[in-house]
Amino acid sequence: MAKTVEDLVRAARAAVSEIDVARARELQATGVTFVDVREPAECEKGIIEGAVCIPRGVLEWKAGAESRLADRAAPVVVYCQSGGRSALAAVALGELGWSDVKSLAGGYAAWRADD
């Protein structure tokens, strides 16, 4: 039987380290790189301060070219609107060699709700 998108997201969430907004804010204060994997039109409406916008659809091609992601051992926090795309993105980055990737649980919506 074919998997659904929900199956893929559920598996990704089980495989990655998800962090809450409080922990994400702590990491942001230390200069950890944040990657917004939403689409450009979503990023234009607002992003987490200091984040780089690399849409999920091109992440595998663009991540290696982003200077803030040059050190694949450095911590990275990925986020989207609600946490699904970022879980998939965290898995992809892990498979590409990034070793300390976390996904923001609840995504940008959770971040904004905590403001």
PDB file of N, CA and C in Angstrom:
ATOM      1  N   MET A   1       0.835  -1.187   0.000  1.00  0.00           N
ATOM      2  CA  MET A   1       0.000   0.000   0.000  1.00  0.00           C
ATOM      3  C   MET A   1       0.881   1.253   0.000  1.00  0.00           C
ATOM      4  N   ALA A   2       0.519   2.206  -0.798  1.00  0.00           N
ATOM      5  CA  ALA A   2       1.271   3.455  -0.896  1.00  0.00           C
ATOM      6  C   ALA A   2       1.117   4.276   0.386  1.00  0.00           C
ATOM      7  N   LYS A   3       2.167   5.000   0.726  1.00  0.00           N
ATOM      8  CA  LYS A   3       2.129   5.874   1.895  1.00  0.00           C
ATOM      9  C   LYS A   3       1.459   7.194   1.532  1.00  0.00           C
ATOM     10  N   THR A   4       0.889   7.823   2.532  1.00  0.00           N
ATOM     11  CA  THR A   4       0.323   9.159   2.360  1.00  0.00           C
ATOM     12  C   THR A   4       1.360  10.192   2.803  1.00  0.00           C
ATOM     13  N   VAL A   5       1.111  11.437   2.477  1.00  0.00           N
ATOM     14  CA  VAL A   5       1.978  12.513   2.946  1.00  0.00           C
ATOM     15  C   VAL A   5       2.006  12.523   4.473  1.00  0.00           C
ATOM     16  N   GLU A   6       0.861  12.285   5.076  1.00  0.00           N
ATOM     17  CA  GLU A   6       0.792  12.256   6.535  1.00  0.00           C
ATOM     18  C   GLU A   6       1.679  11.160   7.107  1.00  0.00           C
ATOM     19  N   ASP A   7       1.733   9.998   6.421  1.00  0.00           N
ATOM     20  CA  ASP A   7       2.618   8.912   6.852  1.00  0.00           C
ATOM     21  C   ASP A   7       4.076   9.361   6.811  1.00  0.00           C
ATOM     22  N   LEU A   8       4.457  10.046   5.737  1.00  0.00           N
ATOM     23  CA  LEU A   8       5.834  10.517   5.595  1.00  0.00           C
ATOM     24  C   LEU A   8       6.191  11.535   6.678  1.00  0.00           C
ATOM     25  N   VAL A   9       5.283  12.452   6.943  1.00  0.00           N
ATOM     26  CA  VAL A   9       5.533  13.467   7.968  1.00  0.00           C
ATOM     27  C   VAL A   9       5.614  12.818   9.345  1.00  0.00           C
ATOM     28  N   ARG A  10       4.728  11.893   9.630  1.00  0.00           N
ATOM     29  CA  ARG A  10       4.738  11.189  10.916  1.00  0.00           C
ATOM     30  C   ARG A  10       6.069  10.464  11.116  1.00  0.00           C
ATOM     31  N   ALA A  11       6.543   9.786  10.082  1.00  0.00           N
ATOM     32  CA  ALA A  11       7.821   9.072  10.158  1.00  0.00           C
ATOM     33  C   ALA A  11       8.978  10.052  10.339  1.00  0.00           C
ATOM     34  N   ALA A  12       8.924  11.172   9.649  1.00  0.00           N
ATOM     35  CA  ALA A  12       9.979  12.178   9.777  1.00  0.00           C
ATOM     36  C   ALA A  12      10.012  12.745  11.190  1.00  0.00           C
ATOM     37  N   ARG A  13       8.844  13.049  11.733  1.00  0.00           N
ATOM     38  CA  ARG A  13       8.790  13.588  13.098  1.00  0.00           C
ATOM     39  C   ARG A  13       9.336  12.594  14.114  1.00  0.00           C
ATOM     40  N   ALA A  14       9.105  11.322  13.867  1.00  0.00           N
ATOM     41  CA  ALA A  14       9.626  10.287  14.768  1.00  0.00           C
ATOM     42  C   ALA A  14      11.140  10.159  14.655  1.00  0.00           C
ATOM     43  N   ALA A  15      11.686  10.519  13.506  1.00  0.00           N
ATOM     44  CA  ALA A  15      13.115  10.322  13.243  1.00  0.00           C
ATOM     45  C   ALA A  15      13.985  11.525  13.607  1.00  0.00           C
ATOM     46  N   VAL A  16      13.384  12.696  13.789  1.00  0.00           N
ATOM     47  CA  VAL A  16      14.177  13.905  14.035  1.00  0.00           C
ATOM     48  C   VAL A  16      13.983  14.412  15.458  1.00  0.00           C
ATOM     49  N   SER A  17      14.856  15.297  15.836  1.00  0.00           N
ATOM     50  CA  SER A  17      14.756  15.949  17.135  1.00  0.00           C
ATOM     51  C   SER A  17      13.901  17.201  16.972  1.00  0.00           C
ATOM     52  N   GLU A  18      12.742  17.201  17.620  1.00  0.00           N
ATOM     53  CA  GLU A  18      11.882  18.384  17.586  1.00  0.00           C
ATOM     54  C   GLU A  18      12.083  19.170  18.877  1.00  0.00           C
ATOM     55  N   ILE A  19      12.121  20.482  18.750  1.00  0.00           N
ATOM     56  CA  ILE A  19      12.284  21.341  19.920  1.00  0.00           C
ATOM     57  C   ILE A  19      11.109  22.297  20.019  1.00  0.00           C
ATOM     58  N   ASP A  20      10.837  22.747  21.240  1.00  0.00           N
ATOM     59  CA  ASP A  20       9.750  23.702  21.424  1.00  0.00           C
ATOM     60  C   ASP A  20      10.269  25.129  21.246  1.00  0.00           C
ATOM     61  N   VAL A  21       9.358  26.070  21.290  1.00  0.00           N
ATOM     62  CA  VAL A  21       9.707  27.470  21.048  1.00  0.00           C
ATOM     63  C   VAL A  21      10.694  27.984  22.091  1.00  0.00           C
ATOM     64  N   ALA A  22      10.511  27.612  23.346  1.00  0.00           N
ATOM     65  CA  ALA A  22      11.420  28.092  24.392  1.00  0.00           C
ATOM     66  C   ALA A  22      12.855  27.666  24.099  1.00  0.00           C
ATOM     67  N   ARG A  23      13.052  26.412  23.728  1.00  0.00           N
ATOM     68  CA  ARG A  23      14.400  25.926  23.408  1.00  0.00           C
ATOM     69  C   ARG A  23      14.921  26.609  22.144  1.00  0.00           C
ATOM     70  N   ALA A  24      14.050  26.824  21.162  1.00  0.00           N
ATOM     71  CA  ALA A  24      14.464  27.495  19.928  1.00  0.00           C
ATOM     72  C   ALA A  24      14.938  28.913  20.222  1.00  0.00           C
ATOM     73  N   ARG A  25      14.250  29.602  21.103  1.00  0.00           N
ATOM     74  CA  ARG A  25      14.664  30.962  21.460  1.00  0.00           C
ATOM     75  C   ARG A  25      16.027  30.953  22.156  1.00  0.00           C
ATOM     76  N   GLU A  26      16.263  29.957  22.995  1.00  0.00           N
ATOM     77  CA  GLU A  26      17.577  29.825  23.637  1.00  0.00           C
ATOM     78  C   GLU A  26      18.666  29.637  22.583  1.00  0.00           C
ATOM     79  N   LEU A  27      18.404  28.767  21.622  1.00  0.00           N
ATOM     80  CA  LEU A  27      19.388  28.511  20.570  1.00  0.00           C
ATOM     81  C   LEU A  27      19.600  29.744  19.699  1.00  0.00           C
ATOM     82  N   GLN A  28      18.520  30.461  19.404  1.00  0.00           N
ATOM     83  CA  GLN A  28      18.638  31.679  18.603  1.00  0.00           C
ATOM     84  C   GLN A  28      19.557  32.682  19.295  1.00  0.00           C
ATOM     85  N   ALA A  29      19.444  32.780  20.606  1.00  0.00           N
ATOM     86  CA  ALA A  29      20.263  33.725  21.369  1.00  0.00           C
ATOM     87  C   ALA A  29      21.751  33.388  21.309  1.00  0.00           C
ATOM     88  N   THR A  30      22.076  32.136  20.990  1.00  0.00           N
ATOM     89  CA  THR A  30      23.484  31.729  20.903  1.00  0.00           C
ATOM     90  C   THR A  30      24.023  31.816  19.480  1.00  0.00           C
ATOM     91  N   GLY A  31      23.173  32.231  18.535  1.00  0.00           N
ATOM     92  CA  GLY A  31      23.631  32.399  17.159  1.00  0.00           C
ATOM     93  C   GLY A  31      23.465  31.191  16.263  1.00  0.00           C
ATOM     94  N   VAL A  32      22.705  30.199  16.705  1.00  0.00           N
ATOM     95  CA  VAL A  32      22.458  29.018  15.874  1.00  0.00           C
ATOM     96  C   VAL A  32      21.750  29.443  14.589  1.00  0.00           C
ATOM     97  N   THR A  33      22.092  28.799  13.487  1.00  0.00           N
ATOM     98  CA  THR A  33      21.475  29.098  12.195  1.00  0.00           C
ATOM     99  C   THR A  33      20.060  28.534  12.140  1.00  0.00           C
ATOM    100  N   PHE A  34      19.119  29.371  11.732  1.00  0.00           N
ATOM    101  CA  PHE A  34      17.731  28.965  11.526  1.00  0.00           C
ATOM    102  C   PHE A  34      17.461  28.974  10.024  1.00  0.00           C
ATOM    103  N   VAL A  35      16.791  27.936   9.543  1.00  0.00           N
ATOM    104  CA  VAL A  35      16.434  27.831   8.133  1.00  0.00           C
ATOM    105  C   VAL A  35      14.916  27.738   8.024  1.00  0.00           C
ATOM    106  N   ASP A  36      14.327  28.689   7.338  1.00  0.00           N
ATOM    107  CA  ASP A  36      12.890  28.716   7.073  1.00  0.00           C
ATOM    108  C   ASP A  36      12.667  27.994   5.754  1.00  0.00           C
ATOM    109  N   VAL A  37      11.954  26.879   5.780  1.00  0.00           N
ATOM    110  CA  VAL A  37      11.755  26.090   4.562  1.00  0.00           C
ATOM    111  C   VAL A  37      10.398  26.354   3.909  1.00  0.00           C
ATOM    112  N   ARG A  38       9.735  27.437   4.319  1.00  0.00           N
ATOM    113  CA  ARG A  38       8.476  27.798   3.675  1.00  0.00           C
ATOM    114  C   ARG A  38       8.758  28.404   2.303  1.00  0.00           C
ATOM    115  N   GLU A  39       7.717  28.595   1.543  1.00  0.00           N
ATOM    116  CA  GLU A  39       7.825  29.203   0.216  1.00  0.00           C
ATOM    117  C   GLU A  39       8.142  30.698   0.353  1.00  0.00           C
ATOM    118  N   PRO A  40       8.775  31.293  -0.666  1.00  0.00           N
ATOM    119  CA  PRO A  40       9.139  32.714  -0.588  1.00  0.00           C
ATOM    120  C   PRO A  40       7.971  33.635  -0.217  1.00  0.00           C
ATOM    121  N   ALA A  41       6.795  33.388  -0.745  1.00  0.00           N
ATOM    122  CA  ALA A  41       5.641  34.234  -0.415  1.00  0.00           C
ATOM    123  C   ALA A  41       5.305  34.151   1.071  1.00  0.00           C
ATOM    124  N   GLU A  42       5.518  32.989   1.675  1.00  0.00           N
ATOM    125  CA  GLU A  42       5.290  32.844   3.114  1.00  0.00           C
ATOM    126  C   GLU A  42       6.366  33.598   3.896  1.00  0.00           C
ATOM    127  N   CYS A  43       7.611  33.482   3.449  1.00  0.00           N
ATOM    128  CA  CYS A  43       8.725  34.166   4.120  1.00  0.00           C
ATOM    129  C   CYS A  43       8.548  35.678   4.072  1.00  0.00           C
ATOM    130  N   GLU A  44       7.992  36.178   2.981  1.00  0.00           N
ATOM    131  CA  GLU A  44       7.785  37.621   2.842  1.00  0.00           C
ATOM    132  C   GLU A  44       6.836  38.165   3.899  1.00  0.00           C
ATOM    133  N   LYS A  45       5.992  37.310   4.451  1.00  0.00           N
ATOM    134  CA  LYS A  45       5.040  37.736   5.480  1.00  0.00           C
ATOM    135  C   LYS A  45       5.687  37.800   6.858  1.00  0.00           C
ATOM    136  N   GLY A  46       6.908  37.312   6.967  1.00  0.00           N
ATOM    137  CA  GLY A  46       7.629  37.353   8.234  1.00  0.00           C
ATOM    138  C   GLY A  46       8.410  36.077   8.460  1.00  0.00           C
ATOM    139  N   ILE A  47       9.611  36.244   9.013  1.00  0.00           N
ATOM    140  CA  ILE A  47      10.444  35.096   9.356  1.00  0.00           C
ATOM    141  C   ILE A  47      11.037  35.326  10.738  1.00  0.00           C
ATOM    142  N   ILE A  48      11.593  34.290  11.310  1.00  0.00           N
ATOM    143  CA  ILE A  48      12.307  34.424  12.571  1.00  0.00           C
ATOM    144  C   ILE A  48      13.563  35.245  12.299  1.00  0.00           C
ATOM    145  N   GLU A  49      13.804  36.234  13.140  1.00  0.00           N
ATOM    146  CA  GLU A  49      14.936  37.133  12.934  1.00  0.00           C
ATOM    147  C   GLU A  49      16.238  36.359  12.741  1.00  0.00           C
ATOM    148  N   GLY A  50      16.937  36.695  11.661  1.00  0.00           N
ATOM    149  CA  GLY A  50      18.220  36.073  11.366  1.00  0.00           C
ATOM    150  C   GLY A  50      18.146  34.800  10.552  1.00  0.00           C
ATOM    151  N   ALA A  51      16.942  34.302  10.301  1.00  0.00           N
ATOM    152  CA  ALA A  51      16.793  33.048   9.553  1.00  0.00           C
ATOM    153  C   ALA A  51      17.097  33.258   8.077  1.00  0.00           C
ATOM    154  N   VAL A  52      17.499  32.178   7.427  1.00  0.00           N
ATOM    155  CA  VAL A  52      17.687  32.172   5.985  1.00  0.00           C
ATOM    156  C   VAL A  52      16.512  31.393   5.393  1.00  0.00           C
ATOM    157  N   CYS A  53      15.933  31.900   4.317  1.00  0.00           N
ATOM    158  CA  CYS A  53      14.794  31.241   3.676  1.00  0.00           C
ATOM    159  C   CYS A  53      15.293  30.373   2.519  1.00  0.00           C
ATOM    160  N   ILE A  54      15.143  29.066   2.677  1.00  0.00           N
ATOM    161  CA  ILE A  54      15.458  28.113   1.610  1.00  0.00           C
ATOM    162  C   ILE A  54      14.243  27.197   1.481  1.00  0.00           C
ATOM    163  N   PRO A  55      13.401  27.401   0.484  1.00  0.00           N
ATOM    164  CA  PRO A  55      12.179  26.610   0.359  1.00  0.00           C
ATOM    165  C   PRO A  55      12.438  25.101   0.353  1.00  0.00           C
ATOM    166  N   ARG A  56      11.544  24.373   0.977  1.00  0.00           N
ATOM    167  CA  ARG A  56      11.656  22.922   1.083  1.00  0.00           C
ATOM    168  C   ARG A  56      11.880  22.267  -0.277  1.00  0.00           C
ATOM    169  N   GLY A  57      11.243  22.765  -1.303  1.00  0.00           N
ATOM    170  CA  GLY A  57      11.339  22.160  -2.628  1.00  0.00           C
ATOM    171  C   GLY A  57      12.710  22.228  -3.269  1.00  0.00           C
ATOM    172  N   VAL A  58      13.573  23.120  -2.773  1.00  0.00           N
ATOM    173  CA  VAL A  58      14.921  23.249  -3.345  1.00  0.00           C
ATOM    174  C   VAL A  58      16.013  23.071  -2.292  1.00  0.00           C
ATOM    175  N   LEU A  59      15.639  22.682  -1.106  1.00  0.00           N
ATOM    176  CA  LEU A  59      16.585  22.600   0.006  1.00  0.00           C
ATOM    177  C   LEU A  59      17.796  21.735  -0.308  1.00  0.00           C
ATOM    178  N   GLU A  60      17.568  20.568  -0.858  1.00  0.00           N
ATOM    179  CA  GLU A  60      18.680  19.649  -1.120  1.00  0.00           C
ATOM    180  C   GLU A  60      19.689  20.243  -2.098  1.00  0.00           C
ATOM    181  N   TRP A  61      19.242  21.084  -3.004  1.00  0.00           N
ATOM    182  CA  TRP A  61      20.129  21.700  -3.986  1.00  0.00           C
ATOM    183  C   TRP A  61      20.798  22.963  -3.444  1.00  0.00           C
ATOM    184  N   LYS A  62      20.127  23.703  -2.593  1.00  0.00           N
ATOM    185  CA  LYS A  62      20.617  25.014  -2.157  1.00  0.00           C
ATOM    186  C   LYS A  62      21.374  24.996  -0.831  1.00  0.00           C
ATOM    187  N   ALA A  63      21.122  24.023   0.022  1.00  0.00           N
ATOM    188  CA  ALA A  63      21.709  24.042   1.367  1.00  0.00           C
ATOM    189  C   ALA A  63      23.229  24.073   1.335  1.00  0.00           C
ATOM    190  N   GLY A  64      23.833  23.299   0.472  1.00  0.00           N
ATOM    191  CA  GLY A  64      25.286  23.246   0.401  1.00  0.00           C
ATOM    192  C   GLY A  64      25.923  24.542  -0.051  1.00  0.00           C
ATOM    193  N   ALA A  65      25.159  25.380  -0.741  1.00  0.00           N
ATOM    194  CA  ALA A  65      25.686  26.650  -1.238  1.00  0.00           C
ATOM    195  C   ALA A  65      25.503  27.791  -0.236  1.00  0.00           C
ATOM    196  N   GLU A  66      24.730  27.564   0.810  1.00  0.00           N
ATOM    197  CA  GLU A  66      24.471  28.607   1.813  1.00  0.00           C
ATOM    198  C   GLU A  66      25.641  28.674   2.790  1.00  0.00           C
ATOM    199  N   SER A  67      26.299  29.814   2.858  1.00  0.00           N
ATOM    200  CA  SER A  67      27.504  29.949   3.690  1.00  0.00           C
ATOM    201  C   SER A  67      27.239  29.663   5.162  1.00  0.00           C
ATOM    202  N   ARG A  68      26.044  29.985   5.642  1.00  0.00           N
ATOM    203  CA  ARG A  68      25.744  29.741   7.059  1.00  0.00           C
ATOM    204  C   ARG A  68      25.560  28.257   7.367  1.00  0.00           C
ATOM    205  N   LEU A  69      25.499  27.439   6.331  1.00  0.00           N
ATOM    206  CA  LEU A  69      25.365  25.990   6.522  1.00  0.00           C
ATOM    207  C   LEU A  69      26.633  25.249   6.119  1.00  0.00           C
ATOM    208  N   ALA A  70      27.727  25.968   5.967  1.00  0.00           N
ATOM    209  CA  ALA A  70      28.974  25.352   5.497  1.00  0.00           C
ATOM    210  C   ALA A  70      29.496  24.289   6.454  1.00  0.00           C
ATOM    211  N   ASP A  71      29.355  24.516   7.758  1.00  0.00           N
ATOM    212  CA  ASP A  71      29.820  23.555   8.760  1.00  0.00           C
ATOM    213  C   ASP A  71      28.694  22.569   9.041  1.00  0.00           C
ATOM    214  N   ARG A  72      28.808  21.385   8.498  1.00  0.00           N
ATOM    215  CA  ARG A  72      27.729  20.403   8.636  1.00  0.00           C
ATOM    216  C   ARG A  72      27.627  19.807  10.037  1.00  0.00           C
ATOM    217  N   ALA A  73      28.572  20.138  10.907  1.00  0.00           N
ATOM    218  CA  ALA A  73      28.502  19.687  12.299  1.00  0.00           C
ATOM    219  C   ALA A  73      27.879  20.750  13.209  1.00  0.00           C
ATOM    220  N   ALA A  74      27.726  21.968  12.707  1.00  0.00           N
ATOM    221  CA  ALA A  74      27.153  23.054  13.507  1.00  0.00           C
ATOM    222  C   ALA A  74      25.646  22.850  13.651  1.00  0.00           C
ATOM    223  N   PRO A  75      25.080  23.259  14.782  1.00  0.00           N
ATOM    224  CA  PRO A  75      23.639  23.101  14.973  1.00  0.00           C
ATOM    225  C   PRO A  75      22.824  23.963  14.007  1.00  0.00           C
ATOM    226  N   VAL A  76      21.702  23.412  13.589  1.00  0.00           N
ATOM    227  CA  VAL A  76      20.777  24.079  12.670  1.00  0.00           C
ATOM    228  C   VAL A  76      19.358  23.813  13.164  1.00  0.00           C
ATOM    229  N   VAL A  77      18.517  24.831  13.122  1.00  0.00           N
ATOM    230  CA  VAL A  77      17.094  24.666  13.424  1.00  0.00           C
ATOM    231  C   VAL A  77      16.322  24.961  12.151  1.00  0.00           C
ATOM    232  N   VAL A  78      15.493  24.025  11.723  1.00  0.00           N
ATOM    233  CA  VAL A  78      14.647  24.240  10.551  1.00  0.00           C
ATOM    234  C   VAL A  78      13.208  24.423  11.016  1.00  0.00           C
ATOM    235  N   TYR A  79      12.475  25.236  10.278  1.00  0.00           N
ATOM    236  CA  TYR A  79      11.071  25.434  10.610  1.00  0.00           C
ATOM    237  C   TYR A  79      10.279  25.749   9.357  1.00  0.00           C
ATOM    238  N   CYS A  80       8.973  25.513   9.454  1.00  0.00           N
ATOM    239  CA  CYS A  80       8.033  25.853   8.381  1.00  0.00           C
ATOM    240  C   CYS A  80       6.848  26.545   9.050  1.00  0.00           C
ATOM    241  N   GLN A  81       5.671  26.414   8.518  1.00  0.00           N
ATOM    242  CA  GLN A  81       4.515  27.055   9.135  1.00  0.00           C
ATOM    243  C   GLN A  81       4.021  26.298  10.357  1.00  0.00           C
ATOM    244  N   SER A  82       3.962  24.955  10.251  1.00  0.00           N
ATOM    245  CA  SER A  82       3.390  24.193  11.363  1.00  0.00           C
ATOM    246  C   SER A  82       4.227  23.002  11.817  1.00  0.00           C
ATOM    247  N   GLY A  83       5.312  22.693  11.131  1.00  0.00           N
ATOM    248  CA  GLY A  83       6.206  21.629  11.573  1.00  0.00           C
ATOM    249  C   GLY A  83       6.335  20.426  10.668  1.00  0.00           C
ATOM    250  N   GLY A  84       5.453  20.253   9.709  1.00  0.00           N
ATOM    251  CA  GLY A  84       5.523  19.093   8.819  1.00  0.00           C
ATOM    252  C   GLY A  84       6.656  19.166   7.815  1.00  0.00           C
ATOM    253  N   ARG A  85       6.703  20.257   7.067  1.00  0.00           N
ATOM    254  CA  ARG A  85       7.777  20.408   6.077  1.00  0.00           C
ATOM    255  C   ARG A  85       9.142  20.459   6.743  1.00  0.00           C
ATOM    256  N   SER A  86       9.216  21.069   7.916  1.00  0.00           N
ATOM    257  CA  SER A  86      10.520  21.158   8.580  1.00  0.00           C
ATOM    258  C   SER A  86      10.990  19.796   9.064  1.00  0.00           C
ATOM    259  N   ALA A  87      10.082  18.925   9.462  1.00  0.00           N
ATOM    260  CA  ALA A  87      10.483  17.564   9.840  1.00  0.00           C
ATOM    261  C   ALA A  87      11.059  16.840   8.627  1.00  0.00           C
ATOM    262  N   LEU A  88      10.402  16.970   7.485  1.00  0.00           N
ATOM    263  CA  LEU A  88      10.920  16.363   6.251  1.00  0.00           C
ATOM    264  C   LEU A  88      12.268  16.977   5.876  1.00  0.00           C
ATOM    265  N   ALA A  89      12.398  18.291   6.052  1.00  0.00           N
ATOM    266  CA  ALA A  89      13.653  18.977   5.740  1.00  0.00           C
ATOM    267  C   ALA A  89      14.774  18.520   6.663  1.00  0.00           C
ATOM    268  N   ALA A  90      14.468  18.327   7.937  1.00  0.00           N
ATOM    269  CA  ALA A  90      15.484  17.876   8.891  1.00  0.00           C
ATOM    270  C   ALA A  90      16.001  16.495   8.515  1.00  0.00           C
ATOM    271  N   VAL A  91      15.104  15.616   8.099  1.00  0.00           N
ATOM    272  CA  VAL A  91      15.523  14.285   7.643  1.00  0.00           C
ATOM    273  C   VAL A  91      16.442  14.420   6.433  1.00  0.00           C
ATOM    274  N   ALA A  92      16.047  15.247   5.470  1.00  0.00           N
ATOM    275  CA  ALA A  92      16.848  15.422   4.252  1.00  0.00           C
ATOM    276  C   ALA A  92      18.238  15.961   4.577  1.00  0.00           C
ATOM    277  N   LEU A  93      18.313  16.973   5.441  1.00  0.00           N
ATOM    278  CA  LEU A  93      19.618  17.526   5.798  1.00  0.00           C
ATOM    279  C   LEU A  93      20.477  16.483   6.504  1.00  0.00           C
ATOM    280  N   GLY A  94      19.857  15.689   7.360  1.00  0.00           N
ATOM    281  CA  GLY A  94      20.595  14.613   8.018  1.00  0.00           C
ATOM    282  C   GLY A  94      21.163  13.623   7.024  1.00  0.00           C
ATOM    283  N   GLU A  95      20.371  13.275   6.031  1.00  0.00           N
ATOM    284  CA  GLU A  95      20.832  12.337   5.001  1.00  0.00           C
ATOM    285  C   GLU A  95      21.945  12.941   4.153  1.00  0.00           C
ATOM    286  N   LEU A  96      21.989  14.271   4.074  1.00  0.00           N
ATOM    287  CA  LEU A  96      23.030  14.959   3.303  1.00  0.00           C
ATOM    288  C   LEU A  96      24.276  15.266   4.136  1.00  0.00           C
ATOM    289  N   GLY A  97      24.273  14.861   5.393  1.00  0.00           N
ATOM    290  CA  GLY A  97      25.476  14.993   6.201  1.00  0.00           C
ATOM    291  C   GLY A  97      25.462  16.000   7.330  1.00  0.00           C
ATOM    292  N   TRP A  98      24.390  16.774   7.487  1.00  0.00           N
ATOM    293  CA  TRP A  98      24.306  17.664   8.634  1.00  0.00           C
ATOM    294  C   TRP A  98      23.992  16.803   9.852  1.00  0.00           C
ATOM    295  N   SER A  99      24.744  16.987  10.917  1.00  0.00           N
ATOM    296  CA  SER A  99      24.637  16.062  12.045  1.00  0.00           C
ATOM    297  C   SER A  99      23.881  16.592  13.254  1.00  0.00           C
ATOM    298  N   ASP A 100      23.545  17.871  13.282  1.00  0.00           N
ATOM    299  CA  ASP A 100      22.860  18.443  14.446  1.00  0.00           C
ATOM    300  C   ASP A 100      21.702  19.321  13.984  1.00  0.00           C
ATOM    301  N   VAL A 101      20.686  18.678  13.435  1.00  0.00           N
ATOM    302  CA  VAL A 101      19.531  19.394  12.890  1.00  0.00           C
ATOM    303  C   VAL A 101      18.326  19.167  13.790  1.00  0.00           C
ATOM    304  N   LYS A 102      17.658  20.258  14.124  1.00  0.00           N
ATOM    305  CA  LYS A 102      16.450  20.182  14.931  1.00  0.00           C
ATOM    306  C   LYS A 102      15.308  20.842  14.165  1.00  0.00           C
ATOM    307  N   SER A 103      14.106  20.353  14.410  1.00  0.00           N
ATOM    308  CA  SER A 103      12.914  20.907  13.783  1.00  0.00           C
ATOM    309  C   SER A 103      12.087  21.610  14.854  1.00  0.00           C
ATOM    310  N   LEU A 104      11.608  22.800  14.537  1.00  0.00           N
ATOM    311  CA  LEU A 104      10.789  23.563  15.474  1.00  0.00           C
ATOM    312  C   LEU A 104       9.367  23.008  15.484  1.00  0.00           C
ATOM    313  N   ALA A 105       8.984  22.385  16.583  1.00  0.00           N
ATOM    314  CA  ALA A 105       7.631  21.833  16.722  1.00  0.00           C
ATOM    315  C   ALA A 105       6.615  22.969  16.641  1.00  0.00           C
ATOM    316  N   GLY A 106       5.614  22.804  15.810  1.00  0.00           N
ATOM    317  CA  GLY A 106       4.594  23.831  15.651  1.00  0.00           C
ATOM    318  C   GLY A 106       4.968  24.946  14.701  1.00  0.00           C
ATOM    319  N   GLY A 107       6.238  24.987  14.284  1.00  0.00           N
ATOM    320  CA  GLY A 107       6.704  25.918  13.270  1.00  0.00           C
ATOM    321  C   GLY A 107       6.551  27.390  13.611  1.00  0.00           C
ATOM    322  N   TYR A 108       6.490  28.179  12.558  1.00  0.00           N
ATOM    323  CA  TYR A 108       6.400  29.632  12.698  1.00  0.00           C
ATOM    324  C   TYR A 108       5.113  30.035  13.417  1.00  0.00           C
ATOM    325  N   ALA A 109       4.062  29.263  13.232  1.00  0.00           N
ATOM    326  CA  ALA A 109       2.800  29.563  13.920  1.00  0.00           C
ATOM    327  C   ALA A 109       2.995  29.505  15.431  1.00  0.00           C
ATOM    328  N   ALA A 110       3.712  28.500  15.917  1.00  0.00           N
ATOM    329  CA  ALA A 110       3.978  28.382  17.353  1.00  0.00           C
ATOM    330  C   ALA A 110       4.881  29.518  17.828  1.00  0.00           C
ATOM    331  N   TRP A 111       5.881  29.865  17.015  1.00  0.00           N
ATOM    332  CA  TRP A 111       6.794  30.955  17.357  1.00  0.00           C
ATOM    333  C   TRP A 111       6.015  32.255  17.521  1.00  0.00           C
ATOM    334  N   ARG A 112       5.138  32.544  16.560  1.00  0.00           N
ATOM    335  CA  ARG A 112       4.347  33.781  16.601  1.00  0.00           C
ATOM    336  C   ARG A 112       3.371  33.778  17.775  1.00  0.00           C
ATOM    337  N   ALA A 113       2.791  32.623  18.058  1.00  0.00           N
ATOM    338  CA  ALA A 113       1.837  32.529  19.163  1.00  0.00           C
ATOM    339  C   ALA A 113       2.515  32.794  20.502  1.00  0.00           C
ATOM    340  N   ASP A 114       3.821  32.570  20.553  1.00  0.00           N
ATOM    341  CA  ASP A 114       4.585  32.755  21.788  1.00  0.00           C
ATOM    342  C   ASP A 114       5.085  34.193  21.946  1.00  0.00           C
ATOM    343  N   ASP A 115       4.905  35.026  20.914  1.00  0.00           N
ATOM    344  CA  ASP A 115       5.369  36.431  20.994  1.00  0.00           C
ATOM    345  C   ASP A 115       4.569  37.211  22.014  1.00  0.00           C
TER     346      ASP A 115
END
